């Protein structure tokens, strides 16, 4: 199972009318590119997002591609889906299938995807990605680069999925 974990200064608003508010646009693109194929979901991927801003921060939301139901690929739908899940979490109601939410942030073994890292096969299945302002916390993990350019979080996830799909990189 591949896990992509976005660490961002963003926060999910409960009303996603404006997707740039709280950087919901960034979160939605990240989840889309981690989980979606042309006509299906990646069943071997978990997309995690830790939001480090707002009164619930840090808050970690996980979406499991093998179990999630009712998630659609457009940004507005993903934003609404996540906002509804967070609202359910806050209100103590059950979450949608395939979604888990927890307060806090726990570092797990893996690699940090960073343009300053080594360009090699990480042989890992857990990948940390920073938001547009970089990483809100320091991670004492190996740093791996997907190339000599600075990519957005969602682009980085696409590149890693591709490298794993074609066998250029392998999991542990």
N, C-alpha and C. Protein backbone atom coordinates (compact mmCIF):
# COMPACT_ATOMS: atom_id res chain seq x y z
N UNK A 1 0.85 -1.18 0.00
CA UNK A 1 0.00 0.00 0.00
C UNK A 1 0.89 1.24 0.00
N UNK A 2 0.64 2.15 -0.94
CA UNK A 2 1.35 3.42 -1.00
C UNK A 2 0.62 4.44 -0.12
N UNK A 3 1.37 5.25 0.58
CA UNK A 3 0.77 6.32 1.37
C UNK A 3 1.45 7.63 0.99
N UNK A 4 0.64 8.60 0.59
CA UNK A 4 1.11 9.94 0.31
C UNK A 4 0.55 10.86 1.38
N UNK A 5 1.43 11.60 2.04
CA UNK A 5 1.02 12.42 3.18
C UNK A 5 1.43 13.86 2.95
N UNK A 6 0.43 14.72 2.75
CA UNK A 6 0.64 16.15 2.54
C UNK A 6 0.66 16.84 3.89
N UNK A 7 1.72 17.60 4.16
CA UNK A 7 1.81 18.42 5.36
C UNK A 7 1.69 19.87 4.91
N UNK A 8 0.65 20.55 5.37
CA UNK A 8 0.37 21.88 4.84
C UNK A 8 -0.08 22.85 5.91
N UNK A 9 0.20 24.12 5.67
CA UNK A 9 -0.29 25.19 6.54
C UNK A 9 -1.78 25.44 6.31
N UNK A 10 -2.35 24.78 5.34
CA UNK A 10 -3.76 24.98 5.01
C UNK A 10 -4.69 24.44 6.07
N UNK A 11 -5.94 24.82 5.96
CA UNK A 11 -6.99 24.26 6.80
C UNK A 11 -8.24 24.11 5.96
N UNK A 12 -9.01 23.11 6.26
CA UNK A 12 -10.22 22.86 5.47
C UNK A 12 -11.36 23.68 6.05
N UNK A 13 -11.95 24.58 5.25
CA UNK A 13 -13.13 25.31 5.74
C UNK A 13 -14.35 24.38 5.71
N UNK A 14 -15.30 24.65 6.57
CA UNK A 14 -16.50 23.82 6.58
C UNK A 14 -17.42 24.15 5.42
N UNK A 15 -17.22 25.29 4.78
CA UNK A 15 -18.05 25.67 3.65
C UNK A 15 -17.15 25.95 2.45
N UNK A 16 -16.95 24.96 1.57
CA UNK A 16 -15.96 25.12 0.50
C UNK A 16 -16.47 25.89 -0.73
N UNK A 17 -17.16 27.01 -0.52
CA UNK A 17 -17.59 27.81 -1.68
C UNK A 17 -16.39 28.41 -2.39
N UNK A 18 -15.40 28.80 -1.62
CA UNK A 18 -14.19 29.38 -2.17
C UNK A 18 -13.06 28.38 -1.92
N UNK A 19 -12.65 27.64 -2.95
CA UNK A 19 -11.68 26.57 -2.77
C UNK A 19 -10.30 27.05 -2.36
N UNK A 20 -9.99 28.32 -2.61
CA UNK A 20 -8.66 28.78 -2.21
C UNK A 20 -8.61 29.13 -0.73
N UNK A 21 -9.76 29.31 -0.11
CA UNK A 21 -9.80 29.59 1.33
C UNK A 21 -9.27 28.37 2.08
N UNK A 22 -8.29 28.57 2.91
CA UNK A 22 -7.72 27.46 3.66
C UNK A 22 -6.91 26.51 2.81
N UNK A 23 -6.64 26.87 1.57
CA UNK A 23 -5.89 26.06 0.60
C UNK A 23 -6.57 24.72 0.31
N UNK A 24 -7.90 24.73 0.30
CA UNK A 24 -8.66 23.54 -0.06
C UNK A 24 -8.33 23.11 -1.49
N UNK A 25 -8.02 24.06 -2.37
CA UNK A 25 -7.67 23.72 -3.75
C UNK A 25 -6.43 22.83 -3.79
N UNK A 26 -5.44 23.18 -3.00
CA UNK A 26 -4.21 22.38 -2.92
C UNK A 26 -4.51 20.98 -2.39
N UNK A 27 -5.30 20.91 -1.33
CA UNK A 27 -5.64 19.62 -0.73
C UNK A 27 -6.44 18.77 -1.71
N UNK A 28 -7.40 19.37 -2.40
CA UNK A 28 -8.23 18.63 -3.36
C UNK A 28 -7.40 18.10 -4.52
N UNK A 29 -6.50 18.91 -5.06
CA UNK A 29 -5.63 18.44 -6.16
C UNK A 29 -4.73 17.31 -5.69
N UNK A 30 -4.20 17.43 -4.48
CA UNK A 30 -3.34 16.39 -3.93
C UNK A 30 -4.10 15.07 -3.82
N UNK A 31 -5.29 15.10 -3.26
CA UNK A 31 -6.08 13.87 -3.11
C UNK A 31 -6.45 13.32 -4.47
N UNK A 32 -6.85 14.19 -5.39
CA UNK A 32 -7.19 13.74 -6.74
C UNK A 32 -6.02 13.01 -7.38
N UNK A 33 -4.83 13.61 -7.36
CA UNK A 33 -3.68 13.02 -8.03
C UNK A 33 -3.11 11.82 -7.31
N UNK A 34 -3.35 11.70 -6.02
CA UNK A 34 -2.90 10.52 -5.29
C UNK A 34 -3.81 9.33 -5.57
N UNK A 35 -5.12 9.57 -5.69
CA UNK A 35 -6.09 8.47 -5.72
C UNK A 35 -6.70 8.14 -7.07
N UNK A 36 -6.85 9.13 -7.95
CA UNK A 36 -7.66 8.89 -9.14
C UNK A 36 -6.86 8.45 -10.35
N UNK A 37 -7.44 7.48 -11.05
CA UNK A 37 -7.01 7.08 -12.39
C UNK A 37 -8.08 7.61 -13.35
N UNK A 38 -7.97 7.34 -14.62
CA UNK A 38 -8.92 7.85 -15.58
C UNK A 38 -10.36 7.47 -15.26
N UNK A 39 -10.61 6.19 -14.99
CA UNK A 39 -11.99 5.73 -14.76
C UNK A 39 -12.11 4.92 -13.48
N UNK A 40 -11.22 5.12 -12.54
CA UNK A 40 -11.26 4.33 -11.31
C UNK A 40 -10.42 5.01 -10.25
N UNK A 41 -10.43 4.43 -9.08
CA UNK A 41 -9.56 4.87 -7.99
C UNK A 41 -8.39 3.92 -7.86
N UNK A 42 -7.29 4.43 -7.39
CA UNK A 42 -6.16 3.56 -7.05
C UNK A 42 -6.53 2.86 -5.74
N UNK A 43 -6.65 1.56 -5.81
CA UNK A 43 -7.04 0.78 -4.62
C UNK A 43 -5.85 0.49 -3.71
N UNK A 44 -4.64 0.83 -4.17
CA UNK A 44 -3.43 0.56 -3.41
C UNK A 44 -2.81 1.82 -2.81
N UNK A 45 -3.64 2.89 -2.65
CA UNK A 45 -3.11 4.17 -2.16
C UNK A 45 -3.99 4.71 -1.03
N UNK A 46 -3.31 5.28 -0.04
CA UNK A 46 -3.96 6.07 1.00
C UNK A 46 -3.42 7.49 0.87
N UNK A 47 -4.32 8.46 0.78
CA UNK A 47 -3.93 9.87 0.76
C UNK A 47 -4.21 10.44 2.14
N UNK A 48 -3.17 11.02 2.73
CA UNK A 48 -3.30 11.64 4.06
C UNK A 48 -2.94 13.11 3.95
N UNK A 49 -3.65 13.92 4.70
CA UNK A 49 -3.38 15.35 4.74
C UNK A 49 -3.39 15.78 6.21
N UNK A 50 -2.31 16.45 6.62
CA UNK A 50 -2.31 17.04 7.95
C UNK A 50 -2.34 18.55 7.79
N UNK A 51 -3.35 19.15 8.39
CA UNK A 51 -3.57 20.59 8.34
C UNK A 51 -3.04 21.20 9.63
N UNK A 52 -2.12 22.13 9.51
CA UNK A 52 -1.45 22.69 10.67
C UNK A 52 -1.95 24.08 11.06
N UNK A 53 -3.10 24.48 10.53
CA UNK A 53 -3.62 25.81 10.84
C UNK A 53 -5.09 25.69 11.19
N UNK A 54 -5.54 26.49 12.15
CA UNK A 54 -6.94 26.51 12.55
C UNK A 54 -7.12 25.95 13.95
N UNK A 55 -8.32 26.09 14.46
CA UNK A 55 -8.57 25.70 15.85
C UNK A 55 -8.52 24.19 16.07
N UNK A 56 -8.65 23.39 15.04
CA UNK A 56 -8.55 21.93 15.18
C UNK A 56 -7.14 21.41 14.93
N UNK A 57 -6.23 22.30 14.57
CA UNK A 57 -4.89 21.90 14.14
C UNK A 57 -4.05 21.36 15.29
N UNK A 58 -3.15 20.44 14.97
CA UNK A 58 -3.09 19.75 13.68
C UNK A 58 -4.18 18.68 13.59
N UNK A 59 -4.69 18.53 12.40
CA UNK A 59 -5.75 17.56 12.11
C UNK A 59 -5.31 16.74 10.91
N UNK A 60 -5.37 15.41 11.05
CA UNK A 60 -4.94 14.52 9.97
C UNK A 60 -6.15 13.78 9.41
N UNK A 61 -6.35 13.92 8.11
CA UNK A 61 -7.45 13.27 7.39
C UNK A 61 -6.84 12.23 6.46
N UNK A 62 -7.36 11.00 6.51
CA UNK A 62 -6.88 9.92 5.63
C UNK A 62 -8.03 9.44 4.76
N UNK A 63 -7.71 9.22 3.47
CA UNK A 63 -8.70 8.68 2.53
C UNK A 63 -8.07 7.43 1.91
N UNK A 64 -8.69 6.29 2.16
CA UNK A 64 -8.20 4.99 1.69
C UNK A 64 -8.87 4.64 0.37
N UNK A 65 -8.09 4.61 -0.70
CA UNK A 65 -8.62 4.33 -2.03
C UNK A 65 -9.30 2.98 -2.16
N UNK A 66 -8.97 2.03 -1.30
CA UNK A 66 -9.58 0.70 -1.39
C UNK A 66 -10.96 0.64 -0.73
N UNK A 67 -11.31 1.67 0.08
CA UNK A 67 -12.56 1.60 0.82
C UNK A 67 -13.48 2.81 0.66
N UNK A 68 -12.95 3.91 0.11
CA UNK A 68 -13.74 5.13 0.05
C UNK A 68 -14.92 4.97 -0.91
N UNK A 69 -16.03 5.59 -0.56
CA UNK A 69 -17.24 5.59 -1.38
C UNK A 69 -17.72 7.04 -1.53
N UNK A 70 -18.24 7.37 -2.69
CA UNK A 70 -18.85 8.68 -2.92
C UNK A 70 -17.88 9.82 -3.19
N UNK A 71 -16.63 9.51 -3.49
CA UNK A 71 -15.65 10.54 -3.80
C UNK A 71 -15.59 10.72 -5.30
N UNK A 72 -15.74 11.96 -5.76
CA UNK A 72 -15.71 12.28 -7.19
C UNK A 72 -14.45 13.08 -7.50
N UNK A 73 -13.97 13.06 -8.76
CA UNK A 73 -12.64 13.59 -9.05
C UNK A 73 -12.48 15.11 -9.16
N UNK A 74 -13.56 15.88 -9.19
CA UNK A 74 -13.37 17.32 -9.34
C UNK A 74 -13.08 17.99 -7.99
N UNK A 75 -12.37 19.10 -8.05
CA UNK A 75 -11.92 19.78 -6.84
C UNK A 75 -13.07 20.18 -5.92
N UNK A 76 -14.13 20.71 -6.48
CA UNK A 76 -15.25 21.16 -5.64
C UNK A 76 -15.88 19.98 -4.91
N UNK A 77 -16.04 18.85 -5.59
CA UNK A 77 -16.61 17.66 -4.94
C UNK A 77 -15.69 17.13 -3.85
N UNK A 78 -14.39 17.10 -4.12
CA UNK A 78 -13.44 16.63 -3.11
C UNK A 78 -13.46 17.58 -1.91
N UNK A 79 -13.49 18.88 -2.17
CA UNK A 79 -13.57 19.86 -1.08
C UNK A 79 -14.81 19.68 -0.24
N UNK A 80 -15.94 19.51 -0.89
CA UNK A 80 -17.20 19.29 -0.16
C UNK A 80 -17.18 17.98 0.62
N UNK A 81 -16.63 16.94 0.02
CA UNK A 81 -16.53 15.63 0.67
C UNK A 81 -15.71 15.73 1.95
N UNK A 82 -14.55 16.39 1.85
CA UNK A 82 -13.68 16.53 3.03
C UNK A 82 -14.31 17.41 4.09
N UNK A 83 -14.92 18.51 3.67
CA UNK A 83 -15.58 19.39 4.63
C UNK A 83 -16.70 18.67 5.37
N UNK A 84 -17.48 17.87 4.65
CA UNK A 84 -18.55 17.10 5.29
C UNK A 84 -17.98 16.08 6.27
N UNK A 85 -16.87 15.44 5.89
CA UNK A 85 -16.24 14.46 6.78
C UNK A 85 -15.71 15.14 8.05
N UNK A 86 -15.08 16.30 7.90
CA UNK A 86 -14.57 17.00 9.08
C UNK A 86 -15.73 17.48 9.95
N UNK A 87 -16.79 17.96 9.34
CA UNK A 87 -17.97 18.37 10.11
C UNK A 87 -18.52 17.18 10.90
N UNK A 88 -18.60 16.01 10.26
CA UNK A 88 -19.08 14.81 10.96
C UNK A 88 -18.15 14.46 12.12
N UNK A 89 -16.85 14.58 11.91
CA UNK A 89 -15.87 14.30 12.97
C UNK A 89 -16.08 15.23 14.16
N UNK A 90 -16.22 16.53 13.88
CA UNK A 90 -16.40 17.53 14.93
C UNK A 90 -17.70 17.28 15.69
N UNK A 91 -18.73 16.87 14.97
CA UNK A 91 -20.04 16.64 15.60
C UNK A 91 -20.18 15.25 16.20
N UNK A 92 -19.15 14.42 16.08
CA UNK A 92 -19.19 13.09 16.67
C UNK A 92 -20.01 12.08 15.89
N UNK A 93 -20.30 12.38 14.63
CA UNK A 93 -21.05 11.44 13.79
C UNK A 93 -20.09 10.51 13.07
N UNK A 94 -20.64 9.45 12.47
CA UNK A 94 -19.78 8.50 11.75
C UNK A 94 -19.26 9.14 10.47
N UNK A 95 -18.06 8.72 10.11
CA UNK A 95 -17.39 9.25 8.93
C UNK A 95 -17.76 8.41 7.70
N UNK A 96 -17.58 8.97 6.51
CA UNK A 96 -17.84 8.19 5.29
C UNK A 96 -16.90 6.98 5.24
N UNK A 97 -17.31 5.91 4.55
CA UNK A 97 -16.44 4.74 4.42
C UNK A 97 -15.10 5.14 3.80
N UNK A 98 -14.02 4.59 4.34
CA UNK A 98 -12.69 4.84 3.81
C UNK A 98 -12.04 6.12 4.29
N UNK A 99 -12.71 6.87 5.16
CA UNK A 99 -12.16 8.12 5.69
C UNK A 99 -11.92 7.97 7.18
N UNK A 100 -10.74 8.40 7.62
CA UNK A 100 -10.48 8.47 9.06
C UNK A 100 -9.88 9.84 9.35
N UNK A 101 -10.17 10.33 10.53
CA UNK A 101 -9.69 11.65 10.95
C UNK A 101 -9.20 11.53 12.38
N UNK A 102 -8.06 12.14 12.63
CA UNK A 102 -7.52 12.15 13.99
C UNK A 102 -6.89 13.49 14.28
N UNK A 103 -6.97 13.88 15.53
CA UNK A 103 -6.28 15.10 15.94
C UNK A 103 -4.82 14.76 16.16
N UNK A 104 -3.96 15.68 15.73
CA UNK A 104 -2.55 15.49 15.92
C UNK A 104 -1.84 15.03 14.66
N UNK A 105 -0.55 14.84 14.82
CA UNK A 105 0.30 14.40 13.72
C UNK A 105 1.37 13.49 14.29
N UNK A 106 1.52 12.34 13.67
CA UNK A 106 2.51 11.37 14.09
C UNK A 106 3.42 11.06 12.90
N UNK A 107 4.73 11.17 13.11
CA UNK A 107 5.68 10.85 12.05
C UNK A 107 5.80 9.33 11.95
N UNK A 108 5.67 8.83 10.74
CA UNK A 108 5.82 7.40 10.47
C UNK A 108 7.04 7.19 9.59
N UNK A 109 7.63 6.01 9.62
CA UNK A 109 8.79 5.76 8.76
C UNK A 109 8.44 5.98 7.29
N UNK A 110 9.32 6.61 6.57
CA UNK A 110 9.10 6.88 5.16
C UNK A 110 10.19 7.79 4.63
N UNK A 111 9.87 8.49 3.54
CA UNK A 111 10.80 9.44 2.94
C UNK A 111 10.10 10.76 2.70
N UNK A 112 10.90 11.82 2.70
CA UNK A 112 10.41 13.16 2.41
C UNK A 112 10.72 13.44 0.94
N UNK A 113 9.70 13.80 0.18
CA UNK A 113 9.90 14.17 -1.22
C UNK A 113 10.25 15.65 -1.25
N UNK A 114 11.50 15.94 -1.60
CA UNK A 114 12.04 17.28 -1.50
C UNK A 114 13.02 17.51 -2.66
N UNK A 115 12.94 18.68 -3.30
CA UNK A 115 13.80 18.94 -4.45
C UNK A 115 15.29 18.90 -4.10
N UNK A 116 15.63 19.05 -2.84
CA UNK A 116 17.03 19.00 -2.43
C UNK A 116 17.51 17.61 -2.05
N UNK A 117 16.66 16.61 -2.18
CA UNK A 117 17.03 15.25 -1.79
C UNK A 117 17.82 14.51 -2.85
N UNK A 118 18.18 13.29 -2.52
CA UNK A 118 18.90 12.43 -3.46
C UNK A 118 17.96 11.98 -4.57
N UNK A 119 18.52 11.77 -5.76
CA UNK A 119 17.73 11.27 -6.89
C UNK A 119 18.00 9.78 -6.99
N UNK A 120 17.20 8.99 -6.26
CA UNK A 120 17.37 7.54 -6.27
C UNK A 120 16.05 6.88 -5.88
N UNK A 121 15.99 5.59 -6.08
CA UNK A 121 14.82 4.81 -5.68
C UNK A 121 14.77 4.79 -4.16
N UNK A 122 13.68 5.31 -3.57
CA UNK A 122 13.63 5.37 -2.11
C UNK A 122 13.32 4.04 -1.44
N UNK A 123 12.81 3.07 -2.22
CA UNK A 123 12.39 1.78 -1.66
C UNK A 123 11.53 1.97 -0.42
N UNK A 124 10.58 2.84 -0.53
CA UNK A 124 9.67 3.16 0.57
C UNK A 124 8.24 3.14 0.05
N UNK A 125 7.30 3.05 0.95
CA UNK A 125 5.91 3.12 0.54
C UNK A 125 5.17 4.27 1.24
N UNK A 126 5.89 5.05 2.03
CA UNK A 126 5.28 6.19 2.74
C UNK A 126 6.05 7.44 2.32
N UNK A 127 5.32 8.39 1.70
CA UNK A 127 5.93 9.57 1.11
C UNK A 127 5.33 10.84 1.71
N UNK A 128 6.17 11.71 2.27
CA UNK A 128 5.74 13.00 2.79
C UNK A 128 5.97 14.06 1.73
N UNK A 129 4.99 14.95 1.57
CA UNK A 129 5.06 16.03 0.60
C UNK A 129 4.69 17.33 1.33
N UNK A 130 5.41 18.40 1.06
CA UNK A 130 5.11 19.69 1.67
C UNK A 130 4.17 20.51 0.82
N UNK A 131 3.52 21.46 1.44
CA UNK A 131 2.63 22.37 0.75
C UNK A 131 3.40 23.48 0.06
N UNK A 132 2.70 24.52 -0.44
CA UNK A 132 3.35 25.59 -1.19
C UNK A 132 4.38 26.37 -0.38
N UNK A 133 4.26 26.36 0.93
CA UNK A 133 5.22 27.06 1.78
C UNK A 133 6.24 26.09 2.37
N UNK A 134 6.34 24.91 1.80
CA UNK A 134 7.28 23.92 2.31
C UNK A 134 6.65 23.08 3.41
N UNK A 135 7.47 22.57 4.28
CA UNK A 135 7.01 21.70 5.36
C UNK A 135 6.80 22.52 6.63
N UNK A 136 5.62 22.42 7.25
CA UNK A 136 5.36 23.17 8.47
C UNK A 136 6.08 22.60 9.70
N UNK A 137 6.61 21.39 9.59
CA UNK A 137 7.38 20.77 10.66
C UNK A 137 8.63 20.15 10.05
N UNK A 138 9.64 20.00 10.87
CA UNK A 138 10.90 19.38 10.43
C UNK A 138 10.78 17.87 10.58
N UNK A 139 11.13 17.14 9.53
CA UNK A 139 11.09 15.68 9.58
C UNK A 139 12.50 15.13 9.49
N UNK A 140 12.86 14.28 10.41
CA UNK A 140 14.18 13.65 10.42
C UNK A 140 14.12 12.33 9.65
N UNK A 141 13.87 12.44 8.36
CA UNK A 141 13.73 11.28 7.49
C UNK A 141 14.57 11.50 6.23
N UNK A 142 14.91 10.43 5.51
CA UNK A 142 15.67 10.60 4.26
C UNK A 142 14.89 11.48 3.27
N UNK A 143 15.63 12.30 2.53
CA UNK A 143 15.02 13.18 1.52
C UNK A 143 15.34 12.62 0.14
N UNK A 144 14.28 12.53 -0.68
CA UNK A 144 14.37 11.99 -2.04
C UNK A 144 13.82 13.05 -3.00
N UNK A 145 14.46 13.20 -4.15
CA UNK A 145 14.01 14.14 -5.16
C UNK A 145 13.45 13.38 -6.36
N UNK A 146 12.41 13.94 -6.98
CA UNK A 146 11.87 13.34 -8.21
C UNK A 146 12.42 14.03 -9.45
N UNK A 147 13.29 15.00 -9.26
CA UNK A 147 13.89 15.69 -10.40
C UNK A 147 14.51 17.00 -9.97
N UNK A 148 15.08 17.69 -10.91
CA UNK A 148 15.79 18.92 -10.62
C UNK A 148 14.91 20.15 -10.55
N UNK A 149 13.62 20.01 -10.70
CA UNK A 149 12.69 21.13 -10.68
C UNK A 149 11.91 21.13 -9.37
N UNK A 150 11.28 22.27 -9.08
CA UNK A 150 10.39 22.37 -7.93
C UNK A 150 8.97 22.13 -8.44
N UNK A 151 8.33 21.06 -7.98
CA UNK A 151 6.98 20.71 -8.40
C UNK A 151 5.99 20.98 -7.29
N UNK A 152 4.73 21.14 -7.65
CA UNK A 152 3.69 21.26 -6.63
C UNK A 152 3.50 19.89 -5.98
N UNK A 153 2.81 19.87 -4.84
CA UNK A 153 2.56 18.61 -4.14
C UNK A 153 1.80 17.64 -5.03
N UNK A 154 0.78 18.12 -5.73
CA UNK A 154 -0.01 17.22 -6.56
C UNK A 154 0.79 16.70 -7.76
N UNK A 155 1.66 17.53 -8.33
CA UNK A 155 2.51 17.06 -9.43
C UNK A 155 3.50 16.01 -8.93
N UNK A 156 4.05 16.23 -7.75
CA UNK A 156 5.00 15.29 -7.18
C UNK A 156 4.36 13.92 -6.99
N UNK A 157 3.13 13.90 -6.51
CA UNK A 157 2.42 12.64 -6.32
C UNK A 157 2.21 11.93 -7.66
N UNK A 158 1.86 12.68 -8.70
CA UNK A 158 1.71 12.07 -10.04
C UNK A 158 3.01 11.43 -10.49
N UNK A 159 4.11 12.14 -10.30
CA UNK A 159 5.41 11.63 -10.74
C UNK A 159 5.75 10.35 -9.98
N UNK A 160 5.56 10.35 -8.68
CA UNK A 160 5.88 9.15 -7.88
C UNK A 160 4.98 7.99 -8.26
N UNK A 161 3.68 8.24 -8.42
CA UNK A 161 2.78 7.17 -8.86
C UNK A 161 3.26 6.59 -10.19
N UNK A 162 3.65 7.44 -11.11
CA UNK A 162 4.14 6.98 -12.41
C UNK A 162 5.41 6.14 -12.25
N UNK A 163 6.37 6.64 -11.48
CA UNK A 163 7.63 5.90 -11.29
C UNK A 163 7.37 4.52 -10.67
N UNK A 164 6.42 4.45 -9.77
CA UNK A 164 6.06 3.15 -9.17
C UNK A 164 5.28 2.28 -10.15
N UNK A 165 4.37 2.90 -10.90
CA UNK A 165 3.55 2.14 -11.87
C UNK A 165 4.41 1.46 -12.93
N UNK A 166 5.43 2.15 -13.43
CA UNK A 166 6.23 1.59 -14.53
C UNK A 166 7.42 0.79 -14.03
N UNK A 167 7.59 0.69 -12.71
CA UNK A 167 8.65 -0.13 -12.15
C UNK A 167 10.00 0.56 -12.05
N UNK A 168 10.04 1.87 -12.31
CA UNK A 168 11.28 2.62 -12.17
C UNK A 168 11.70 2.69 -10.70
N UNK A 169 10.71 2.85 -9.84
CA UNK A 169 10.91 2.78 -8.39
C UNK A 169 10.18 1.54 -7.88
N UNK A 170 10.64 0.99 -6.79
CA UNK A 170 9.95 -0.15 -6.16
C UNK A 170 9.71 0.16 -4.69
N UNK A 171 8.71 -0.49 -4.15
CA UNK A 171 8.39 -0.35 -2.72
C UNK A 171 9.34 -1.23 -1.92
N UNK A 172 9.35 -1.05 -0.62
CA UNK A 172 10.19 -1.86 0.27
C UNK A 172 9.95 -3.33 0.09
